[in-house]
Amino acid sequence: MLFKRDVLTAIASGEVDLAFRRWRRPAVRPGTELRTEVGVLLIGEVQAVPEAAVTDRDARRAGFADRDRLLADQRPGEDRRLYRIGVRVTGDDPRIRLRQDTDVPTAELDEIVAELGRMDTRSRRGPWTARTLELIDGQPGVRAAELAAQVGRETQPFKADVRKLKERGLTESLETGYRLSPRGRLVLGRLRERGPH
């Protein structure tokens, strides 16, 4: 379940505490936690509702001026139902702290490098982790599609791989593209010390 940046900001401030989505089946459940750039979002109620039950107040709580604009923003389809979803921020994204952590003992740094090696080994296309870190380090803020094209990859699988690095605190998303985190630069430095990858 994705949110636009301005909606995330409004959720973080408490201005928005509802979301509406038209789905074939719910994509989240009550209690689901989503990590976002404004922190961890907790999903509350997830309830199918008729369009007629949506009020202007509901729309404002979801970040829309009125119910007509909210409904016009929903995905069309006769096979879809409208769901009302409660959302709130419950804490900081733990990846943010991890990204800033560069006080890493040598043994732990070597284990991170070894884990990246295992990810490379499991990959059907061969080693990619160091190459992706190098690519982002050399071109911060460049669109994912452009980076993917440079290494002959489709955009969505490339973005999925970058998310794997982000989970480990090595990259962070920008308004456009990515950059290495302080931790990511530390790990890339260790990879470079070890020679060609």
C-alpha atoms as a PDB file:
ATOM      1  CA  MET A   1       0.000   0.000   0.000  1.00  0.00           C
ATOM      2  CA  LEU A   2       1.688   3.171  -1.205  1.00  0.00           C
ATOM      3  CA  PHE A   3       1.157   6.782  -0.194  1.00  0.00           C
ATOM      4  CA  LYS A   4       2.256   9.986  -1.909  1.00  0.00           C
ATOM      5  CA  ARG A   5       4.806  12.054  -0.043  1.00  0.00           C
ATOM      6  CA  ASP A   6       2.381  14.880   0.792  1.00  0.00           C
ATOM      7  CA  VAL A   7      -0.111  12.372   2.213  1.00  0.00           C
ATOM      8  CA  LEU A   8       2.622  10.773   4.336  1.00  0.00           C
ATOM      9  CA  THR A   9       3.513  14.203   5.693  1.00  0.00           C
ATOM     10  CA  ALA A  10      -0.144  14.813   6.551  1.00  0.00           C
ATOM     11  CA  ILE A  11      -0.380  11.416   8.282  1.00  0.00           C
ATOM     12  CA  ALA A  12       2.730  12.218  10.312  1.00  0.00           C
ATOM     13  CA  SER A  13       1.218  15.544  11.422  1.00  0.00           C
ATOM     14  CA  GLY A  14      -2.080  13.864  12.374  1.00  0.00           C
ATOM     15  CA  GLU A  15      -4.012  15.808   9.726  1.00  0.00           C
ATOM     16  CA  VAL A  16      -4.795  12.578   7.828  1.00  0.00           C
ATOM     17  CA  ASP A  17      -5.856   9.395   9.609  1.00  0.00           C
ATOM     18  CA  LEU A  18      -7.880   7.612   6.931  1.00  0.00           C
ATOM     19  CA  ALA A  19      -7.204   6.197   3.497  1.00  0.00           C
ATOM     20  CA  PHE A  20      -9.571   4.796   0.897  1.00  0.00           C
ATOM     21  CA  ARG A  21      -8.694   2.238  -1.747  1.00  0.00           C
ATOM     22  CA  ARG A  22     -10.768   0.344  -4.279  1.00  0.00           C
ATOM     23  CA  TRP A  23      -9.461  -3.223  -4.272  1.00  0.00           C
ATOM     24  CA  ARG A  24     -10.566  -6.648  -5.414  1.00  0.00           C
ATOM     25  CA  ARG A  25      -9.498  -7.829  -1.962  1.00  0.00           C
ATOM     26  CA  PRO A  26      -7.785  -5.984   0.885  1.00  0.00           C
ATOM     27  CA  ALA A  27      -4.051  -5.467   0.349  1.00  0.00           C
ATOM     28  CA  VAL A  28      -3.471  -4.912   4.090  1.00  0.00           C
ATOM     29  CA  ARG A  29      -4.939  -6.191   7.349  1.00  0.00           C
ATOM     30  CA  PRO A  30      -5.571  -4.463  10.664  1.00  0.00           C
ATOM     31  CA  GLY A  31      -2.289  -4.390  12.573  1.00  0.00           C
ATOM     32  CA  THR A  32      -0.100  -4.323   9.449  1.00  0.00           C
ATOM     33  CA  GLU A  33       2.930  -2.062   9.841  1.00  0.00           C
ATOM     34  CA  LEU A  34       4.311  -0.188   6.834  1.00  0.00           C
ATOM     35  CA  ARG A  35       7.729   1.430   6.912  1.00  0.00           C
ATOM     36  CA  THR A  36       7.729   4.807   5.224  1.00  0.00           C
ATOM     37  CA  GLU A  37       9.913   7.899   5.064  1.00  0.00           C
ATOM     38  CA  VAL A  38       7.869   9.532   7.853  1.00  0.00           C
ATOM     39  CA  GLY A  39       7.992   6.521  10.148  1.00  0.00           C
ATOM     40  CA  VAL A  40       6.173   3.261  10.737  1.00  0.00           C
ATOM     41  CA  LEU A  41       2.494   3.428   9.781  1.00  0.00           C
ATOM     42  CA  LEU A  42       0.064   1.192  11.644  1.00  0.00           C
ATOM     43  CA  ILE A  43      -3.016   0.048   9.760  1.00  0.00           C
ATOM     44  CA  GLY A  44      -6.158   0.183  11.873  1.00  0.00           C
ATOM     45  CA  GLU A  45      -9.583  -0.764  10.603  1.00  0.00           C
ATOM     46  CA  VAL A  46      -9.922  -2.153   7.090  1.00  0.00           C
ATOM     47  CA  GLN A  47     -13.604  -2.083   6.229  1.00  0.00           C
ATOM     48  CA  ALA A  48     -15.511  -2.384   2.960  1.00  0.00           C
ATOM     49  CA  VAL A  49     -17.907   0.548   2.651  1.00  0.00           C
ATOM     50  CA  PRO A  50     -20.490   1.611   0.068  1.00  0.00           C
ATOM     51  CA  GLU A  51     -19.611   4.818  -1.756  1.00  0.00           C
ATOM     52  CA  ALA A  52     -22.817   6.377  -0.445  1.00  0.00           C
ATOM     53  CA  ALA A  53     -21.474   6.045   3.114  1.00  0.00           C
ATOM     54  CA  VAL A  54     -18.391   8.196   2.410  1.00  0.00           C
ATOM     55  CA  THR A  55     -18.808  11.733   3.755  1.00  0.00           C
ATOM     56  CA  ASP A  56     -16.996  14.982   3.059  1.00  0.00           C
ATOM     57  CA  ARG A  57     -15.542  14.684   6.573  1.00  0.00           C
ATOM     58  CA  ASP A  58     -14.148  11.241   5.704  1.00  0.00           C
ATOM     59  CA  ALA A  59     -12.643  12.726   2.550  1.00  0.00           C
ATOM     60  CA  ARG A  60     -10.929  15.526   4.490  1.00  0.00           C
ATOM     61  CA  ARG A  61      -9.583  12.957   6.979  1.00  0.00           C
ATOM     62  CA  ALA A  62      -8.089  11.169   3.940  1.00  0.00           C
ATOM     63  CA  GLY A  63      -6.508  14.354   2.543  1.00  0.00           C
ATOM     64  CA  PHE A  64      -9.145  15.273  -0.069  1.00  0.00           C
ATOM     65  CA  ALA A  65     -11.208  18.445  -0.338  1.00  0.00           C
ATOM     66  CA  ASP A  66     -14.484  16.510  -0.575  1.00  0.00           C
ATOM     67  CA  ARG A  67     -15.966  13.054  -1.213  1.00  0.00           C
ATOM     68  CA  ASP A  68     -16.344  13.643  -4.973  1.00  0.00           C
ATOM     69  CA  ARG A  69     -12.594  14.204  -5.346  1.00  0.00           C
ATOM     70  CA  LEU A  70     -11.821  11.203  -3.163  1.00  0.00           C
ATOM     71  CA  LEU A  71     -14.084   8.928  -5.209  1.00  0.00           C
ATOM     72  CA  ALA A  72     -12.745  10.281  -8.512  1.00  0.00           C
ATOM     73  CA  ASP A  73      -9.235   9.343  -7.352  1.00  0.00           C
ATOM     74  CA  GLN A  74     -10.121   5.673  -6.852  1.00  0.00           C
ATOM     75  CA  ARG A  75      -9.171   2.903  -9.251  1.00  0.00           C
ATOM     76  CA  PRO A  76     -12.125   1.977 -11.489  1.00  0.00           C
ATOM     77  CA  GLY A  77     -13.550  -1.508 -11.894  1.00  0.00           C
ATOM     78  CA  GLU A  78     -16.845  -3.245 -11.307  1.00  0.00           C
ATOM     79  CA  ASP A  79     -14.983  -6.094  -9.615  1.00  0.00           C
ATOM     80  CA  ARG A  80     -13.526  -3.766  -6.958  1.00  0.00           C
ATOM     81  CA  ARG A  81     -14.908  -2.718  -3.587  1.00  0.00           C
ATOM     82  CA  LEU A  82     -14.160   0.489  -1.717  1.00  0.00           C
ATOM     83  CA  TYR A  83     -12.274   0.036   1.563  1.00  0.00           C
ATOM     84  CA  ARG A  84     -11.910   2.513   4.419  1.00  0.00           C
ATOM     85  CA  ILE A  85      -8.520   2.139   6.140  1.00  0.00           C
ATOM     86  CA  GLY A  86      -7.380   3.694   9.397  1.00  0.00           C
ATOM     87  CA  VAL A  87      -3.734   4.857   9.424  1.00  0.00           C
ATOM     88  CA  ARG A  88      -1.404   6.443  11.960  1.00  0.00           C
ATOM     89  CA  VAL A  89       2.312   6.812  12.629  1.00  0.00           C
ATOM     90  CA  THR A  90       3.512   4.721  15.562  1.00  0.00           C
ATOM     91  CA  GLY A  91       7.240   5.400  15.548  1.00  0.00           C
ATOM     92  CA  ASP A  92      10.396   6.053  13.602  1.00  0.00           C
ATOM     93  CA  ASP A  93      11.441   3.785  10.754  1.00  0.00           C
ATOM     94  CA  PRO A  94      14.267   1.654  12.234  1.00  0.00           C
ATOM     95  CA  ARG A  95      16.078   1.854   8.891  1.00  0.00           C
ATOM     96  CA  ILE A  96      16.678   5.571   9.483  1.00  0.00           C
ATOM     97  CA  ARG A  97      18.767   4.871  12.582  1.00  0.00           C
ATOM     98  CA  LEU A  98      20.496   1.976  10.829  1.00  0.00           C
ATOM     99  CA  ARG A  99      21.446   4.177   7.856  1.00  0.00           C
ATOM    100  CA  GLN A 100      23.260   6.599  10.144  1.00  0.00           C
ATOM    101  CA  ASP A 101      25.075   3.898  12.134  1.00  0.00           C
ATOM    102  CA  THR A 102      28.714   3.821  11.068  1.00  0.00           C
ATOM    103  CA  ASP A 103      30.082   2.642  14.417  1.00  0.00           C
ATOM    104  CA  VAL A 104      30.410  -0.871  13.057  1.00  0.00           C
ATOM    105  CA  PRO A 105      33.065  -3.294  14.358  1.00  0.00           C
ATOM    106  CA  THR A 106      35.201  -4.904  11.665  1.00  0.00           C
ATOM    107  CA  ALA A 107      33.658  -8.334  12.251  1.00  0.00           C
ATOM    108  CA  GLU A 108      30.146  -6.942  11.755  1.00  0.00           C
ATOM    109  CA  LEU A 109      31.238  -5.043   8.654  1.00  0.00           C
ATOM    110  CA  ASP A 110      32.677  -8.251   7.226  1.00  0.00           C
ATOM    111  CA  GLU A 111      29.408 -10.053   7.987  1.00  0.00           C
ATOM    112  CA  ILE A 112      27.462  -7.381   6.066  1.00  0.00           C
ATOM    113  CA  VAL A 113      29.821  -7.856   3.117  1.00  0.00           C
ATOM    114  CA  ALA A 114      29.407 -11.643   3.400  1.00  0.00           C
ATOM    115  CA  GLU A 115      25.617 -11.260   3.412  1.00  0.00           C
ATOM    116  CA  LEU A 116      25.811  -9.200   0.213  1.00  0.00           C
ATOM    117  CA  GLY A 117      27.929 -11.984  -1.264  1.00  0.00           C
ATOM    118  CA  ARG A 118      25.232 -14.508  -0.368  1.00  0.00           C
ATOM    119  CA  MET A 119      22.620 -12.301  -2.038  1.00  0.00           C
ATOM    120  CA  ASP A 120      24.783 -12.259  -5.160  1.00  0.00           C
ATOM    121  CA  THR A 121      25.155 -16.048  -5.069  1.00  0.00           C
ATOM    122  CA  ARG A 122      21.384 -16.543  -4.837  1.00  0.00           C
ATOM    123  CA  SER A 123      20.734 -14.195  -7.744  1.00  0.00           C
ATOM    124  CA  ARG A 124      19.943 -15.700 -11.149  1.00  0.00           C
ATOM    125  CA  ARG A 125      21.697 -12.832 -12.890  1.00  0.00           C
ATOM    126  CA  GLY A 126      24.919 -13.058 -10.903  1.00  0.00           C
ATOM    127  CA  PRO A 127      26.610 -10.472  -8.684  1.00  0.00           C
ATOM    128  CA  TRP A 128      24.682  -7.216  -8.445  1.00  0.00           C
ATOM    129  CA  THR A 129      24.984  -5.773  -4.932  1.00  0.00           C
ATOM    130  CA  ALA A 130      28.356  -3.998  -5.200  1.00  0.00           C
ATOM    131  CA  ARG A 131      27.622  -2.894  -8.757  1.00  0.00           C
ATOM    132  CA  THR A 132      24.343  -1.323  -7.633  1.00  0.00           C
ATOM    133  CA  LEU A 133      25.994   0.421  -4.677  1.00  0.00           C
ATOM    134  CA  GLU A 134      28.680   1.788  -7.018  1.00  0.00           C
ATOM    135  CA  LEU A 135      26.055   2.951  -9.500  1.00  0.00           C
ATOM    136  CA  ILE A 136      24.073   4.834  -6.848  1.00  0.00           C
ATOM    137  CA  ASP A 137      27.224   6.256  -5.271  1.00  0.00           C
ATOM    138  CA  GLY A 138      28.340   7.674  -8.591  1.00  0.00           C
ATOM    139  CA  GLN A 139      24.924   9.045  -9.583  1.00  0.00           C
ATOM    140  CA  PRO A 140      22.886  10.135  -6.580  1.00  0.00           C
ATOM    141  CA  GLY A 141      19.466  11.526  -7.450  1.00  0.00           C
ATOM    142  CA  VAL A 142      19.303   9.869 -10.875  1.00  0.00           C
ATOM    143  CA  ARG A 143      15.976   8.252 -11.775  1.00  0.00           C
ATOM    144  CA  ALA A 144      15.729   4.502 -11.194  1.00  0.00           C
ATOM    145  CA  ALA A 145      14.758   3.927 -14.833  1.00  0.00           C
ATOM    146  CA  GLU A 146      17.960   5.602 -16.027  1.00  0.00           C
ATOM    147  CA  LEU A 147      20.130   3.637 -13.603  1.00  0.00           C
ATOM    148  CA  ALA A 148      18.435   0.372 -14.564  1.00  0.00           C
ATOM    149  CA  ALA A 149      18.969   1.064 -18.274  1.00  0.00           C
ATOM    150  CA  GLN A 150      22.692   1.622 -17.678  1.00  0.00           C
ATOM    151  CA  VAL A 151      23.038  -1.936 -16.411  1.00  0.00           C
ATOM    152  CA  GLY A 152      20.608  -3.453 -18.934  1.00  0.00           C
ATOM    153  CA  ARG A 153      17.805  -4.129 -16.470  1.00  0.00           C
ATOM    154  CA  GLU A 154      14.071  -3.521 -16.290  1.00  0.00           C
ATOM    155  CA  THR A 155      13.108  -0.741 -13.893  1.00  0.00           C
ATOM    156  CA  GLN A 156      10.856  -2.651 -11.480  1.00  0.00           C
ATOM    157  CA  PRO A 157      13.263  -5.544 -10.755  1.00  0.00           C
ATOM    158  CA  PHE A 158      16.065  -2.987 -10.338  1.00  0.00           C
ATOM    159  CA  LYS A 159      13.973  -1.018  -7.835  1.00  0.00           C
ATOM    160  CA  ALA A 160      13.175  -4.244  -5.968  1.00  0.00           C
ATOM    161  CA  ASP A 161      16.904  -4.906  -5.603  1.00  0.00           C
ATOM    162  CA  VAL A 162      17.543  -1.374  -4.353  1.00  0.00           C
ATOM    163  CA  ARG A 163      14.827  -1.944  -1.732  1.00  0.00           C
ATOM    164  CA  LYS A 164      16.788  -4.985  -0.515  1.00  0.00           C
ATOM    165  CA  LEU A 165      19.786  -2.717   0.043  1.00  0.00           C
ATOM    166  CA  LYS A 166      17.554  -0.125   1.697  1.00  0.00           C
ATOM    167  CA  GLU A 167      16.282  -2.782   4.139  1.00  0.00           C
ATOM    168  CA  ARG A 168      19.883  -3.184   5.282  1.00  0.00           C
ATOM    169  CA  GLY A 169      20.315   0.558   5.779  1.00  0.00           C
ATOM    170  CA  LEU A 170      22.670   0.971   2.810  1.00  0.00           C
ATOM    171  CA  THR A 171      20.620   3.244   0.540  1.00  0.00           C
ATOM    172  CA  GLU A 172      17.949   5.879   0.961  1.00  0.00           C
ATOM    173  CA  SER A 173      15.318   7.164  -1.424  1.00  0.00           C
ATOM    174  CA  LEU A 174      15.324  10.770  -2.563  1.00  0.00           C
ATOM    175  CA  GLU A 175      12.511  12.731  -4.215  1.00  0.00           C
ATOM    176  CA  THR A 176      14.101  11.426  -7.425  1.00  0.00           C
ATOM    177  CA  GLY A 177      16.468   8.469  -7.345  1.00  0.00           C
ATOM    178  CA  TYR A 178      18.617   7.309  -4.455  1.00  0.00           C
ATOM    179  CA  ARG A 179      21.827   7.953  -2.571  1.00  0.00           C
ATOM    180  CA  LEU A 180      24.042   5.859  -0.352  1.00  0.00           C
ATOM    181  CA  SER A 181      23.554   6.269   3.370  1.00  0.00           C
ATOM    182  CA  PRO A 182      26.566   6.839   5.631  1.00  0.00           C
ATOM    183  CA  ARG A 183      26.408   3.111   6.423  1.00  0.00           C
ATOM    184  CA  GLY A 184      26.215   2.308   2.710  1.00  0.00           C
ATOM    185  CA  ARG A 185      29.339   4.362   2.017  1.00  0.00           C
ATOM    186  CA  LEU A 186      31.145   2.503   4.807  1.00  0.00           C
ATOM    187  CA  VAL A 187      30.150  -0.877   3.358  1.00  0.00           C
ATOM    188  CA  LEU A 188      31.069   0.167  -0.176  1.00  0.00           C
ATOM    189  CA  GLY A 189      34.469   1.269   1.119  1.00  0.00           C
ATOM    190  CA  ARG A 190      34.961  -2.191   2.617  1.00  0.00           C
ATOM    191  CA  LEU A 191      33.957  -3.824  -0.663  1.00  0.00           C
ATOM    192  CA  ARG A 192      36.477  -1.662  -2.527  1.00  0.00           C
ATOM    193  CA  GLU A 193      39.206  -2.671  -0.082  1.00  0.00           C
ATOM    194  CA  ARG A 194      38.516  -6.296  -0.920  1.00  0.00           C
ATOM    195  CA  GLY A 195      39.190  -5.720  -4.586  1.00  0.00           C
ATOM    196  CA  PRO A 196      37.217  -6.250  -7.799  1.00  0.00           C
ATOM    197  CA  HIS A 197      33.580  -7.269  -7.411  1.00  0.00           C
END
